[in-house]
Amino acid sequence: MNIFPYNTGHLQVLPLRHVETFEELTEKEIASLFVMVRRCVRLLRKVLNPDGFNIGVNIGGDVAGASIAHLHVHIVPRFRGDSGFMESVADTKVLPQTLDQVFEKLKKEARMLD
């Protein structure tokens, strides 16, 4: 889970091997990475029932907005009306559940998907 989430349930998927670019990944690593992205989307749909997703890849470390130079995929669940007054005016994100609450729900359901 992203400890500085853009939204409730924001997950990150990283390849096991530290790389900075897609070109460094093997075909098997790319397949494994996106199989895990798909699994995370299924899990988030089941647990949080979002209306959609933003899925993006950070490549290039700090230039791409990442705090570490490691290729990773963001999975951000999106909900109708998830941007409101606080986000627009106060530059603050309001999350309806704590990270720990969401983690426990995801962990419980992930075991059932195995």
N, C-alpha and C. Protein backbone atom coordinates (compact mmCIF):
# COMPACT_ATOMS: atom_id res chain seq x y z
N MET A 1 0.84 -1.18 0.00
CA MET A 1 0.00 0.00 0.00
C MET A 1 0.89 1.24 0.00
N ASN A 2 0.40 2.26 -0.66
CA ASN A 2 1.13 3.52 -0.66
C ASN A 2 0.88 4.20 0.67
N ILE A 3 1.94 4.56 1.40
CA ILE A 3 1.75 5.20 2.71
C ILE A 3 1.38 6.67 2.60
N PHE A 4 1.47 7.23 1.40
CA PHE A 4 0.99 8.60 1.13
C PHE A 4 -0.02 8.50 -0.01
N PRO A 5 -1.19 7.90 0.28
CA PRO A 5 -2.13 7.56 -0.79
C PRO A 5 -2.78 8.77 -1.45
N TYR A 6 -2.98 8.65 -2.76
CA TYR A 6 -3.75 9.64 -3.51
C TYR A 6 -5.23 9.45 -3.24
N ASN A 7 -5.61 8.21 -2.86
CA ASN A 7 -7.00 7.89 -2.61
C ASN A 7 -7.06 6.61 -1.77
N THR A 8 -8.20 6.30 -1.21
CA THR A 8 -8.39 5.08 -0.43
C THR A 8 -8.05 3.86 -1.28
N GLY A 9 -7.19 2.98 -0.74
CA GLY A 9 -6.83 1.76 -1.44
C GLY A 9 -5.70 1.88 -2.44
N HIS A 10 -5.00 3.02 -2.46
CA HIS A 10 -3.90 3.24 -3.41
C HIS A 10 -2.80 2.21 -3.16
N LEU A 11 -2.55 1.38 -4.17
CA LEU A 11 -1.52 0.35 -4.10
C LEU A 11 -0.39 0.64 -5.06
N GLN A 12 0.77 0.06 -4.80
CA GLN A 12 1.90 0.12 -5.72
C GLN A 12 2.39 -1.30 -5.96
N VAL A 13 2.78 -1.58 -7.20
CA VAL A 13 3.34 -2.88 -7.56
C VAL A 13 4.73 -2.63 -8.12
N LEU A 14 5.71 -3.36 -7.59
CA LEU A 14 7.09 -3.23 -8.02
C LEU A 14 7.62 -4.57 -8.50
N PRO A 15 8.50 -4.57 -9.50
CA PRO A 15 9.14 -5.84 -9.86
C PRO A 15 10.07 -6.27 -8.72
N LEU A 16 10.30 -7.56 -8.60
CA LEU A 16 11.18 -8.04 -7.54
C LEU A 16 12.60 -7.51 -7.69
N ARG A 17 13.05 -7.42 -8.92
CA ARG A 17 14.41 -6.94 -9.19
C ARG A 17 14.38 -5.42 -9.34
N HIS A 18 15.34 -4.75 -8.72
CA HIS A 18 15.41 -3.29 -8.81
C HIS A 18 15.83 -2.87 -10.21
N VAL A 19 14.93 -2.16 -10.89
CA VAL A 19 15.23 -1.61 -12.21
C VAL A 19 14.63 -0.21 -12.27
N GLU A 20 15.15 0.61 -13.19
CA GLU A 20 14.63 1.96 -13.35
C GLU A 20 13.79 2.11 -14.62
N THR A 21 13.95 1.19 -15.59
CA THR A 21 13.25 1.34 -16.87
C THR A 21 12.63 0.02 -17.31
N PHE A 22 11.63 0.11 -18.21
CA PHE A 22 11.03 -1.09 -18.79
C PHE A 22 12.05 -1.91 -19.55
N GLU A 23 12.98 -1.23 -20.22
CA GLU A 23 13.95 -1.94 -21.05
C GLU A 23 14.79 -2.93 -20.26
N GLU A 24 14.94 -2.69 -18.97
CA GLU A 24 15.74 -3.57 -18.12
C GLU A 24 14.99 -4.84 -17.71
N LEU A 25 13.66 -4.83 -17.85
CA LEU A 25 12.86 -5.98 -17.44
C LEU A 25 12.86 -7.07 -18.51
N THR A 26 12.87 -8.31 -18.07
CA THR A 26 12.71 -9.42 -18.99
C THR A 26 11.22 -9.56 -19.34
N GLU A 27 10.92 -10.32 -20.37
CA GLU A 27 9.52 -10.57 -20.74
C GLU A 27 8.78 -11.21 -19.57
N LYS A 28 9.43 -12.13 -18.90
CA LYS A 28 8.82 -12.82 -17.76
C LYS A 28 8.53 -11.83 -16.62
N GLU A 29 9.44 -10.91 -16.37
CA GLU A 29 9.24 -9.91 -15.31
C GLU A 29 8.09 -8.96 -15.65
N ILE A 30 8.00 -8.56 -16.91
CA ILE A 30 6.90 -7.68 -17.33
C ILE A 30 5.57 -8.41 -17.15
N ALA A 31 5.51 -9.65 -17.58
CA ALA A 31 4.28 -10.43 -17.43
C ALA A 31 3.91 -10.58 -15.96
N SER A 32 4.87 -10.89 -15.13
CA SER A 32 4.63 -11.05 -13.69
C SER A 32 4.14 -9.75 -13.06
N LEU A 33 4.74 -8.64 -13.45
CA LEU A 33 4.36 -7.33 -12.92
C LEU A 33 2.89 -7.04 -13.23
N PHE A 34 2.49 -7.27 -14.47
CA PHE A 34 1.12 -6.91 -14.85
C PHE A 34 0.09 -7.96 -14.46
N VAL A 35 0.51 -9.19 -14.23
CA VAL A 35 -0.39 -10.17 -13.61
C VAL A 35 -0.72 -9.70 -12.19
N MET A 36 0.28 -9.19 -11.48
CA MET A 36 0.04 -8.68 -10.13
C MET A 36 -0.83 -7.42 -10.16
N VAL A 37 -0.63 -6.55 -11.14
CA VAL A 37 -1.50 -5.37 -11.27
C VAL A 37 -2.94 -5.82 -11.45
N ARG A 38 -3.16 -6.79 -12.33
CA ARG A 38 -4.52 -7.30 -12.55
C ARG A 38 -5.10 -7.90 -11.27
N ARG A 39 -4.29 -8.64 -10.53
CA ARG A 39 -4.76 -9.23 -9.27
C ARG A 39 -5.14 -8.14 -8.27
N CYS A 40 -4.36 -7.09 -8.21
CA CYS A 40 -4.66 -5.99 -7.30
C CYS A 40 -5.96 -5.28 -7.69
N VAL A 41 -6.17 -5.10 -9.00
CA VAL A 41 -7.42 -4.47 -9.47
C VAL A 41 -8.61 -5.33 -9.06
N ARG A 42 -8.50 -6.63 -9.26
CA ARG A 42 -9.60 -7.54 -8.86
C ARG A 42 -9.87 -7.44 -7.36
N LEU A 43 -8.80 -7.42 -6.57
CA LEU A 43 -8.94 -7.33 -5.12
C LEU A 43 -9.60 -6.02 -4.72
N LEU A 44 -9.15 -4.92 -5.30
CA LEU A 44 -9.73 -3.62 -4.96
C LEU A 44 -11.20 -3.54 -5.39
N ARG A 45 -11.53 -4.10 -6.55
CA ARG A 45 -12.94 -4.13 -6.98
C ARG A 45 -13.81 -4.86 -5.97
N LYS A 46 -13.31 -6.00 -5.51
CA LYS A 46 -14.08 -6.82 -4.59
C LYS A 46 -14.24 -6.15 -3.22
N VAL A 47 -13.18 -5.55 -2.70
CA VAL A 47 -13.19 -5.00 -1.35
C VAL A 47 -13.77 -3.58 -1.30
N LEU A 48 -13.39 -2.72 -2.23
CA LEU A 48 -13.78 -1.31 -2.16
C LEU A 48 -14.83 -0.91 -3.18
N ASN A 49 -15.03 -1.71 -4.22
CA ASN A 49 -16.01 -1.44 -5.27
C ASN A 49 -15.89 -0.03 -5.86
N PRO A 50 -14.69 0.34 -6.33
CA PRO A 50 -14.54 1.67 -6.92
C PRO A 50 -15.27 1.79 -8.26
N ASP A 51 -15.50 3.02 -8.68
CA ASP A 51 -16.15 3.27 -9.96
C ASP A 51 -15.16 3.21 -11.13
N GLY A 52 -13.88 3.28 -10.84
CA GLY A 52 -12.85 3.23 -11.87
C GLY A 52 -11.47 3.20 -11.23
N PHE A 53 -10.45 3.31 -12.06
CA PHE A 53 -9.06 3.27 -11.59
C PHE A 53 -8.21 4.23 -12.41
N ASN A 54 -7.18 4.76 -11.78
CA ASN A 54 -6.05 5.35 -12.49
C ASN A 54 -4.89 4.39 -12.26
N ILE A 55 -4.27 3.94 -13.35
CA ILE A 55 -3.11 3.06 -13.25
C ILE A 55 -1.99 3.72 -14.03
N GLY A 56 -0.87 3.95 -13.35
CA GLY A 56 0.25 4.62 -14.00
C GLY A 56 1.58 4.05 -13.56
N VAL A 57 2.59 4.22 -14.41
CA VAL A 57 3.92 3.68 -14.15
C VAL A 57 4.89 4.83 -13.95
N ASN A 58 5.63 4.79 -12.85
CA ASN A 58 6.69 5.76 -12.62
C ASN A 58 8.00 5.18 -13.14
N ILE A 59 8.62 5.91 -14.05
CA ILE A 59 9.90 5.51 -14.63
C ILE A 59 10.80 6.74 -14.60
N GLY A 60 11.96 6.61 -13.99
CA GLY A 60 12.89 7.72 -14.01
C GLY A 60 13.07 8.43 -12.68
N GLY A 61 12.66 7.79 -11.60
CA GLY A 61 12.92 8.33 -10.27
C GLY A 61 12.32 9.69 -10.02
N ASP A 62 13.11 10.60 -9.47
CA ASP A 62 12.60 11.91 -9.04
C ASP A 62 12.04 12.74 -10.19
N VAL A 63 12.57 12.58 -11.38
CA VAL A 63 12.07 13.32 -12.54
C VAL A 63 10.62 12.92 -12.83
N ALA A 64 10.28 11.65 -12.57
CA ALA A 64 8.92 11.15 -12.82
C ALA A 64 8.02 11.32 -11.60
N GLY A 65 8.52 11.97 -10.56
CA GLY A 65 7.71 12.21 -9.38
C GLY A 65 7.83 11.15 -8.30
N ALA A 66 8.77 10.24 -8.45
CA ALA A 66 8.95 9.18 -7.46
C ALA A 66 10.02 9.56 -6.45
N SER A 67 9.87 9.05 -5.23
CA SER A 67 10.88 9.32 -4.21
C SER A 67 12.06 8.37 -4.32
N ILE A 68 11.88 7.26 -5.07
CA ILE A 68 12.98 6.33 -5.29
C ILE A 68 13.08 6.04 -6.79
N ALA A 69 14.29 5.77 -7.24
CA ALA A 69 14.51 5.47 -8.66
C ALA A 69 14.30 3.98 -8.88
N HIS A 70 13.05 3.56 -8.88
CA HIS A 70 12.70 2.16 -9.05
C HIS A 70 11.39 2.14 -9.82
N LEU A 71 11.37 1.47 -10.95
CA LEU A 71 10.14 1.36 -11.72
C LEU A 71 9.04 0.79 -10.83
N HIS A 72 7.87 1.42 -10.82
CA HIS A 72 6.75 0.90 -10.06
C HIS A 72 5.43 1.36 -10.69
N VAL A 73 4.39 0.60 -10.41
CA VAL A 73 3.06 0.86 -10.97
C VAL A 73 2.14 1.31 -9.84
N HIS A 74 1.47 2.45 -10.04
CA HIS A 74 0.46 2.93 -9.10
C HIS A 74 -0.90 2.44 -9.54
N ILE A 75 -1.69 1.96 -8.59
CA ILE A 75 -3.08 1.58 -8.83
C ILE A 75 -3.92 2.41 -7.87
N VAL A 76 -4.67 3.36 -8.42
CA VAL A 76 -5.44 4.28 -7.59
C VAL A 76 -6.93 4.07 -7.86
N PRO A 77 -7.65 3.50 -6.89
CA PRO A 77 -9.10 3.38 -7.07
C PRO A 77 -9.74 4.77 -7.12
N ARG A 78 -10.74 4.94 -7.98
CA ARG A 78 -11.45 6.21 -8.09
C ARG A 78 -12.93 5.99 -7.82
N PHE A 79 -13.51 6.93 -7.11
CA PHE A 79 -14.91 6.86 -6.71
C PHE A 79 -15.61 8.14 -7.16
N ARG A 80 -16.84 8.01 -7.60
CA ARG A 80 -17.60 9.21 -7.97
C ARG A 80 -17.62 10.16 -6.78
N GLY A 81 -17.29 11.41 -7.03
CA GLY A 81 -17.31 12.41 -5.96
C GLY A 81 -16.12 12.34 -5.03
N ASP A 82 -15.03 11.65 -5.43
CA ASP A 82 -13.89 11.55 -4.50
C ASP A 82 -13.03 12.81 -4.45
N SER A 83 -13.40 13.79 -5.21
CA SER A 83 -12.73 15.09 -5.12
C SER A 83 -13.79 16.11 -4.74
N GLY A 84 -13.61 16.71 -3.59
CA GLY A 84 -14.61 17.64 -3.09
C GLY A 84 -14.01 18.94 -2.60
N PHE A 85 -14.68 19.57 -1.67
CA PHE A 85 -14.30 20.88 -1.15
C PHE A 85 -12.88 20.89 -0.59
N MET A 86 -12.57 19.93 0.29
CA MET A 86 -11.25 19.92 0.94
C MET A 86 -10.13 19.78 -0.08
N GLU A 87 -10.32 18.92 -1.07
CA GLU A 87 -9.29 18.72 -2.09
C GLU A 87 -9.14 19.95 -2.98
N SER A 88 -10.25 20.59 -3.28
CA SER A 88 -10.23 21.74 -4.20
C SER A 88 -9.74 23.01 -3.54
N VAL A 89 -10.16 23.25 -2.32
CA VAL A 89 -9.90 24.54 -1.67
C VAL A 89 -8.76 24.47 -0.65
N ALA A 90 -8.70 23.40 0.12
CA ALA A 90 -7.75 23.34 1.23
C ALA A 90 -6.50 22.54 0.90
N ASP A 91 -6.37 22.06 -0.35
CA ASP A 91 -5.21 21.27 -0.75
C ASP A 91 -4.97 20.11 0.23
N THR A 92 -6.06 19.45 0.62
CA THR A 92 -6.03 18.36 1.59
C THR A 92 -6.86 17.20 1.05
N LYS A 93 -6.38 15.99 1.24
CA LYS A 93 -7.13 14.81 0.82
C LYS A 93 -7.82 14.19 2.03
N VAL A 94 -9.10 13.94 1.90
CA VAL A 94 -9.88 13.32 2.96
C VAL A 94 -10.08 11.85 2.59
N LEU A 95 -9.62 10.95 3.45
CA LEU A 95 -9.79 9.52 3.23
C LEU A 95 -10.79 8.97 4.24
N PRO A 96 -11.81 8.24 3.78
CA PRO A 96 -12.86 7.78 4.68
C PRO A 96 -12.46 6.62 5.59
N GLN A 97 -11.32 5.99 5.32
CA GLN A 97 -10.82 4.89 6.14
C GLN A 97 -9.33 5.06 6.35
N THR A 98 -8.83 4.58 7.49
CA THR A 98 -7.39 4.66 7.74
C THR A 98 -6.66 3.62 6.89
N LEU A 99 -5.36 3.80 6.73
CA LEU A 99 -4.55 2.82 6.01
C LEU A 99 -4.67 1.44 6.65
N ASP A 100 -4.64 1.41 7.99
CA ASP A 100 -4.74 0.13 8.69
C ASP A 100 -6.07 -0.57 8.43
N GLN A 101 -7.16 0.18 8.40
CA GLN A 101 -8.47 -0.41 8.13
C GLN A 101 -8.52 -1.01 6.73
N VAL A 102 -8.05 -0.27 5.75
CA VAL A 102 -8.06 -0.76 4.38
C VAL A 102 -7.13 -1.96 4.23
N PHE A 103 -5.95 -1.89 4.85
CA PHE A 103 -5.00 -3.00 4.79
C PHE A 103 -5.62 -4.29 5.31
N GLU A 104 -6.28 -4.22 6.44
CA GLU A 104 -6.89 -5.42 7.03
C GLU A 104 -7.95 -6.00 6.11
N LYS A 105 -8.76 -5.16 5.50
CA LYS A 105 -9.79 -5.64 4.57
C LYS A 105 -9.16 -6.31 3.35
N LEU A 106 -8.14 -5.66 2.79
CA LEU A 106 -7.47 -6.21 1.61
C LEU A 106 -6.76 -7.52 1.95
N LYS A 107 -6.09 -7.55 3.09
CA LYS A 107 -5.35 -8.76 3.49
C LYS A 107 -6.30 -9.94 3.66
N LYS A 108 -7.42 -9.71 4.30
CA LYS A 108 -8.40 -10.79 4.52
C LYS A 108 -8.92 -11.32 3.18
N GLU A 109 -9.28 -10.44 2.29
CA GLU A 109 -9.84 -10.86 1.01
C GLU A 109 -8.78 -11.48 0.11
N ALA A 110 -7.54 -10.98 0.17
CA ALA A 110 -6.46 -11.52 -0.67
C ALA A 110 -6.23 -12.99 -0.34
N ARG A 111 -6.35 -13.35 0.90
CA ARG A 111 -6.19 -14.76 1.29
C ARG A 111 -7.26 -15.63 0.64
N MET A 112 -8.46 -15.09 0.51
CA MET A 112 -9.56 -15.84 -0.08
C MET A 112 -9.40 -15.99 -1.60
N LEU A 113 -8.68 -15.05 -2.23
CA LEU A 113 -8.47 -15.11 -3.68
C LEU A 113 -7.40 -16.12 -4.06
N ASP A 114 -6.53 -16.46 -3.12
CA ASP A 114 -5.41 -17.40 -3.42
C ASP A 114 -5.91 -18.78 -3.77
